[in-house]
Structures are given as structure tokens and as C-alpha cells.
Amino acid sequence: MKEYKVITWKKGLSKNNERLEDTLNEYARSGWTLKYLGEQSNRIVFERNKNR
């Protein structure tokens, strides 16, 4: 079974790419994989196995 996490990305004026990379890496270390990254929206969806 899968579980999902949806976060809202708040774009900043500076270092936006660095902050996004740090956020993606942080979730990856917790076992989450990127499922969707909205190009025109500010939503990021992660997925992982629920019974890990």
C-alpha cells in the first residue's frame, strides 16, 4: 500500500532552487519519492510504501 504527502511550496525571492533541492533531499532521506512537481502550481506530491 502507498501513502502520499502533499506540500505547498512557497517561492522566495532568493535561493529558491537551493531551498527546493534541500527540501527534495530531505524527503528523499525519509524514504519519500517525488511523484509530482507542479510547474504552474506550488504543489509537490511525494509517495512511499506505507508498510516499510
PDB file of N, CA and C in Angstrom:
ATOM      1  N   MET A   1       0.847  -1.170   0.000  1.00  0.00           N
ATOM      2  CA  MET A   1       0.000   0.000   0.000  1.00  0.00           C
ATOM      3  C   MET A   1       0.901   1.244   0.000  1.00  0.00           C
ATOM      4  N   LYS A   2       0.478   2.270  -0.688  1.00  0.00           N
ATOM      5  CA  LYS A   2       1.231   3.515  -0.784  1.00  0.00           C
ATOM      6  C   LYS A   2       0.603   4.584   0.099  1.00  0.00           C
ATOM      7  N   GLU A   3       1.430   5.519   0.525  1.00  0.00           N
ATOM      8  CA  GLU A   3       0.932   6.706   1.201  1.00  0.00           C
ATOM      9  C   GLU A   3       1.528   7.917   0.497  1.00  0.00           C
ATOM     10  N   TYR A   4       0.851   9.031   0.611  1.00  0.00           N
ATOM     11  CA  TYR A   4       1.249  10.235  -0.105  1.00  0.00           C
ATOM     12  C   TYR A   4       1.336  11.419   0.841  1.00  0.00           C
ATOM     13  N   LYS A   5       2.200  12.346   0.493  1.00  0.00           N
ATOM     14  CA  LYS A   5       2.342  13.584   1.247  1.00  0.00           C
ATOM     15  C   LYS A   5       2.312  14.715   0.228  1.00  0.00           C
ATOM     16  N   VAL A   6       1.470  15.705   0.483  1.00  0.00           N
ATOM     17  CA  VAL A   6       1.362  16.876  -0.383  1.00  0.00           C
ATOM     18  C   VAL A   6       1.852  18.079   0.406  1.00  0.00           C
ATOM     19  N   ILE A   7       2.797  18.815  -0.174  1.00  0.00           N
ATOM     20  CA  ILE A   7       3.259  20.032   0.472  1.00  0.00           C
ATOM     21  C   ILE A   7       3.045  21.206  -0.473  1.00  0.00           C
ATOM     22  N   THR A   8       2.905  22.373   0.091  1.00  0.00           N
ATOM     23  CA  THR A   8       2.776  23.586  -0.689  1.00  0.00           C
ATOM     24  C   THR A   8       4.116  24.294  -0.664  1.00  0.00           C
ATOM     25  N   TRP A   9       4.651  24.539  -1.850  1.00  0.00           N
ATOM     26  CA  TRP A   9       5.947  25.173  -1.965  1.00  0.00           C
ATOM     27  C   TRP A   9       5.774  26.684  -2.002  1.00  0.00           C
ATOM     28  N   LYS A  10       6.462  27.358  -1.121  1.00  0.00           N
ATOM     29  CA  LYS A  10       6.410  28.818  -1.077  1.00  0.00           C
ATOM     30  C   LYS A  10       7.666  29.360  -1.731  1.00  0.00           C
ATOM     31  N   LYS A  11       7.484  29.952  -2.888  1.00  0.00           N
ATOM     32  CA  LYS A  11       8.629  30.508  -3.611  1.00  0.00           C
ATOM     33  C   LYS A  11       9.123  31.762  -2.917  1.00  0.00           C
ATOM     34  N   GLY A  12      10.422  31.832  -2.794  1.00  0.00           N
ATOM     35  CA  GLY A  12      11.044  33.005  -2.190  1.00  0.00           C
ATOM     36  C   GLY A  12      11.718  33.849  -3.253  1.00  0.00           C
ATOM     37  N   LEU A  13      12.240  34.947  -2.818  1.00  0.00           N
ATOM     38  CA  LEU A  13      12.902  35.844  -3.757  1.00  0.00           C
ATOM     39  C   LEU A  13      14.342  35.445  -4.045  1.00  0.00           C
ATOM     40  N   SER A  14      14.956  34.728  -3.111  1.00  0.00           N
ATOM     41  CA  SER A  14      16.351  34.345  -3.331  1.00  0.00           C
ATOM     42  C   SER A  14      16.573  32.895  -2.940  1.00  0.00           C
ATOM     43  N   LYS A  15      17.537  32.292  -3.584  1.00  0.00           N
ATOM     44  CA  LYS A  15      17.954  30.911  -3.313  1.00  0.00           C
ATOM     45  C   LYS A  15      16.806  29.914  -3.420  1.00  0.00           C
ATOM     46  N   ASN A  16      15.863  30.184  -4.314  1.00  0.00           N
ATOM     47  CA  ASN A  16      14.704  29.312  -4.472  1.00  0.00           C
ATOM     48  C   ASN A  16      15.121  27.896  -4.892  1.00  0.00           C
ATOM     49  N   ASN A  17      16.036  27.796  -5.852  1.00  0.00           N
ATOM     50  CA  ASN A  17      16.465  26.473  -6.323  1.00  0.00           C
ATOM     51  C   ASN A  17      17.195  25.699  -5.227  1.00  0.00           C
ATOM     52  N   GLU A  18      18.010  26.375  -4.454  1.00  0.00           N
ATOM     53  CA  GLU A  18      18.726  25.709  -3.366  1.00  0.00           C
ATOM     54  C   GLU A  18      17.759  25.203  -2.300  1.00  0.00           C
ATOM     55  N   ARG A  19      16.767  26.022  -1.959  1.00  0.00           N
ATOM     56  CA  ARG A  19      15.787  25.607  -0.955  1.00  0.00           C
ATOM     57  C   ARG A  19      14.967  24.431  -1.454  1.00  0.00           C
ATOM     58  N   LEU A  20      14.594  24.454  -2.740  1.00  0.00           N
ATOM     59  CA  LEU A  20      13.831  23.346  -3.310  1.00  0.00           C
ATOM     60  C   LEU A  20      14.660  22.069  -3.290  1.00  0.00           C
ATOM     61  N   GLU A  21      15.914  22.159  -3.675  1.00  0.00           N
ATOM     62  CA  GLU A  21      16.793  20.991  -3.660  1.00  0.00           C
ATOM     63  C   GLU A  21      16.954  20.436  -2.253  1.00  0.00           C
ATOM     64  N   ASP A  22      17.132  21.303  -1.280  1.00  0.00           N
ATOM     65  CA  ASP A  22      17.249  20.859   0.109  1.00  0.00           C
ATOM     66  C   ASP A  22      15.977  20.150   0.576  1.00  0.00           C
ATOM     67  N   THR A  23      14.817  20.695   0.202  1.00  0.00           N
ATOM     68  CA  THR A  23      13.539  20.088   0.583  1.00  0.00           C
ATOM     69  C   THR A  23      13.375  18.710  -0.047  1.00  0.00           C
ATOM     70  N   LEU A  24      13.679  18.590  -1.340  1.00  0.00           N
ATOM     71  CA  LEU A  24      13.561  17.297  -2.024  1.00  0.00           C
ATOM     72  C   LEU A  24      14.506  16.270  -1.409  1.00  0.00           C
ATOM     73  N   ASN A  25      15.712  16.672  -1.108  1.00  0.00           N
ATOM     74  CA  ASN A  25      16.679  15.754  -0.495  1.00  0.00           C
ATOM     75  C   ASN A  25      16.251  15.333   0.908  1.00  0.00           C
ATOM     76  N   GLU A  26      15.692  16.247   1.648  1.00  0.00           N
ATOM     77  CA  GLU A  26      15.214  15.933   2.999  1.00  0.00           C
ATOM     78  C   GLU A  26      14.128  14.855   2.963  1.00  0.00           C
ATOM     79  N   TYR A  27      13.162  15.001   2.064  1.00  0.00           N
ATOM     80  CA  TYR A  27      12.103  13.998   1.954  1.00  0.00           C
ATOM     81  C   TYR A  27      12.645  12.673   1.416  1.00  0.00           C
ATOM     82  N   ALA A  28      13.605  12.730   0.507  1.00  0.00           N
ATOM     83  CA  ALA A  28      14.201  11.504  -0.038  1.00  0.00           C
ATOM     84  C   ALA A  28      14.893  10.708   1.062  1.00  0.00           C
ATOM     85  N   ARG A  29      15.579  11.399   1.960  1.00  0.00           N
ATOM     86  CA  ARG A  29      16.239  10.701   3.074  1.00  0.00           C
ATOM     87  C   ARG A  29      15.228  10.006   3.981  1.00  0.00           C
ATOM     88  N   SER A  30      14.000  10.504   3.997  1.00  0.00           N
ATOM     89  CA  SER A  30      12.944   9.899   4.823  1.00  0.00           C
ATOM     90  C   SER A  30      12.172   8.814   4.077  1.00  0.00           C
ATOM     91  N   GLY A  31      12.632   8.454   2.877  1.00  0.00           N
ATOM     92  CA  GLY A  31      12.013   7.367   2.133  1.00  0.00           C
ATOM     93  C   GLY A  31      10.955   7.801   1.130  1.00  0.00           C
ATOM     94  N   TRP A  32      10.733   9.096   0.967  1.00  0.00           N
ATOM     95  CA  TRP A  32       9.738   9.596   0.026  1.00  0.00           C
ATOM     96  C   TRP A  32      10.357   9.730  -1.366  1.00  0.00           C
ATOM     97  N   THR A  33       9.557   9.420  -2.392  1.00  0.00           N
ATOM     98  CA  THR A  33       9.966   9.672  -3.770  1.00  0.00           C
ATOM     99  C   THR A  33       9.043  10.731  -4.359  1.00  0.00           C
ATOM    100  N   LEU A  34       9.608  11.531  -5.246  1.00  0.00           N
ATOM    101  CA  LEU A  34       8.844  12.598  -5.872  1.00  0.00           C
ATOM    102  C   LEU A  34       7.864  12.001  -6.866  1.00  0.00           C
ATOM    103  N   LYS A  35       6.589  12.311  -6.720  1.00  0.00           N
ATOM    104  CA  LYS A  35       5.555  11.807  -7.613  1.00  0.00           C
ATOM    105  C   LYS A  35       5.108  12.896  -8.589  1.00  0.00           C
ATOM    106  N   TYR A  36       5.028  14.146  -8.109  1.00  0.00           N
ATOM    107  CA  TYR A  36       4.544  15.246  -8.938  1.00  0.00           C
ATOM    108  C   TYR A  36       5.125  16.559  -8.433  1.00  0.00           C
ATOM    109  N   LEU A  37       5.604  17.357  -9.356  1.00  0.00           N
ATOM    110  CA  LEU A  37       6.091  18.701  -9.047  1.00  0.00           C
ATOM    111  C   LEU A  37       5.413  19.640 -10.018  1.00  0.00           C
ATOM    112  N   GLY A  38       4.453  20.423  -9.504  1.00  0.00           N
ATOM    113  CA  GLY A  38       3.665  21.298 -10.362  1.00  0.00           C
ATOM    114  C   GLY A  38       4.486  22.419 -10.961  1.00  0.00           C
ATOM    115  N   GLU A  39       4.463  22.518 -12.271  1.00  0.00           N
ATOM    116  CA  GLU A  39       5.213  23.572 -12.945  1.00  0.00           C
ATOM    117  C   GLU A  39       4.509  24.915 -12.793  1.00  0.00           C
ATOM    118  N   GLN A  40       3.204  24.921 -12.892  1.00  0.00           N
ATOM    119  CA  GLN A  40       2.442  26.153 -12.780  1.00  0.00           C
ATOM    120  C   GLN A  40       1.769  26.309 -11.418  1.00  0.00           C
ATOM    121  N   SER A  41       1.836  25.276 -10.612  1.00  0.00           N
ATOM    122  CA  SER A  41       1.245  25.360  -9.278  1.00  0.00           C
ATOM    123  C   SER A  41       2.356  25.271  -8.240  1.00  0.00           C
ATOM    124  N   ASN A  42       2.008  25.359  -7.009  1.00  0.00           N
ATOM    125  CA  ASN A  42       3.011  25.308  -5.949  1.00  0.00           C
ATOM    126  C   ASN A  42       2.884  24.037  -5.133  1.00  0.00           C
ATOM    127  N   ARG A  43       2.405  22.964  -5.745  1.00  0.00           N
ATOM    128  CA  ARG A  43       2.220  21.693  -5.036  1.00  0.00           C
ATOM    129  C   ARG A  43       3.307  20.697  -5.396  1.00  0.00           C
ATOM    130  N   ILE A  44       3.741  19.977  -4.370  1.00  0.00           N
ATOM    131  CA  ILE A  44       4.685  18.886  -4.550  1.00  0.00           C
ATOM    132  C   ILE A  44       4.066  17.658  -3.895  1.00  0.00           C
ATOM    133  N   VAL A  45       4.047  16.538  -4.619  1.00  0.00           N
ATOM    134  CA  VAL A  45       3.464  15.300  -4.099  1.00  0.00           C
ATOM    135  C   VAL A  45       4.575  14.263  -4.002  1.00  0.00           C
ATOM    136  N   PHE A  46       4.683  13.652  -2.820  1.00  0.00           N
ATOM    137  CA  PHE A  46       5.639  12.589  -2.568  1.00  0.00           C
ATOM    138  C   PHE A  46       4.875  11.296  -2.311  1.00  0.00           C
ATOM    139  N   GLU A  47       5.551  10.161  -2.567  1.00  0.00           N
ATOM    140  CA  GLU A  47       4.949   8.835  -2.392  1.00  0.00           C
ATOM    141  C   GLU A  47       5.972   7.931  -1.717  1.00  0.00           C
ATOM    142  N   ARG A  48       5.480   7.007  -0.893  1.00  0.00           N
ATOM    143  CA  ARG A  48       6.319   5.947  -0.332  1.00  0.00           C
ATOM    144  C   ARG A  48       5.449   4.780   0.062  1.00  0.00           C
ATOM    145  N   ASN A  49       6.091   3.633   0.270  1.00  0.00           N
ATOM    146  CA  ASN A  49       5.365   2.448   0.733  1.00  0.00           C
ATOM    147  C   ASN A  49       4.964   2.673   2.182  1.00  0.00           C
ATOM    148  N   LYS A  50       3.715   2.375   2.489  1.00  0.00           N
ATOM    149  CA  LYS A  50       3.211   2.600   3.838  1.00  0.00           C
ATOM    150  C   LYS A  50       3.797   1.613   4.830  1.00  0.00           C
ATOM    151  N   ASN A  51       3.956   0.371   4.422  1.00  0.00           N
ATOM    152  CA  ASN A  51       4.480  -0.673   5.312  1.00  0.00           C
ATOM    153  C   ASN A  51       5.950  -0.898   5.031  1.00  0.00           C
ATOM    154  N   ARG A  52       6.784   0.075   5.406  1.00  0.00           N
ATOM    155  CA  ARG A  52       8.200  -0.055   5.117  1.00  0.00           C
ATOM    156  C   ARG A  52       8.937  -0.651   6.276  1.00  0.00           C
TER     157      ARG A  52
END
